[in-house]
Amino acid sequence: MDDKFLFALGMVAVMAVVTYAIRVTPFVFFRKKITSRFVKSFLYYVPYSVLIAMTFPSVLTVTGNVITSVVGTAVAIIASLNKKSMMVVVAVLAVISILVAEGILILI
């Protein structure tokens, strides 16, 4: 077989083992039902914090300009806090605010 194919096959096998190990680890360490309110609340918020940690750095660099990214993010957060529809209003307002900020920066 080709060396590249064997390398790719080995990489897939390593990724499969790592993914399996990550999913099995909680079952190994937590055999009994978790009764601690602190641990339950901590584990409840882990997915949200991981999602934010992975997403937020790219939010600040998505437009190529940190200022317009911050403006768009701020508008999206304010619109979502005002109970606006996430898909329509927040996305449209964020895009419009980024375009306006880009236009203002071009004029300056």
Foldseek 3Di string as FASTA:
>chain_A
DDPVVVVVVVVVVVVVVVVVCVVCVVCVVPVDDDDDPVVVVVVVCVVVVVVCVVPVVCLCPVVVHNVLSVQLVVQLVVCVVVVHDNPPPSVVRSVVSSVVVVVVVVVD
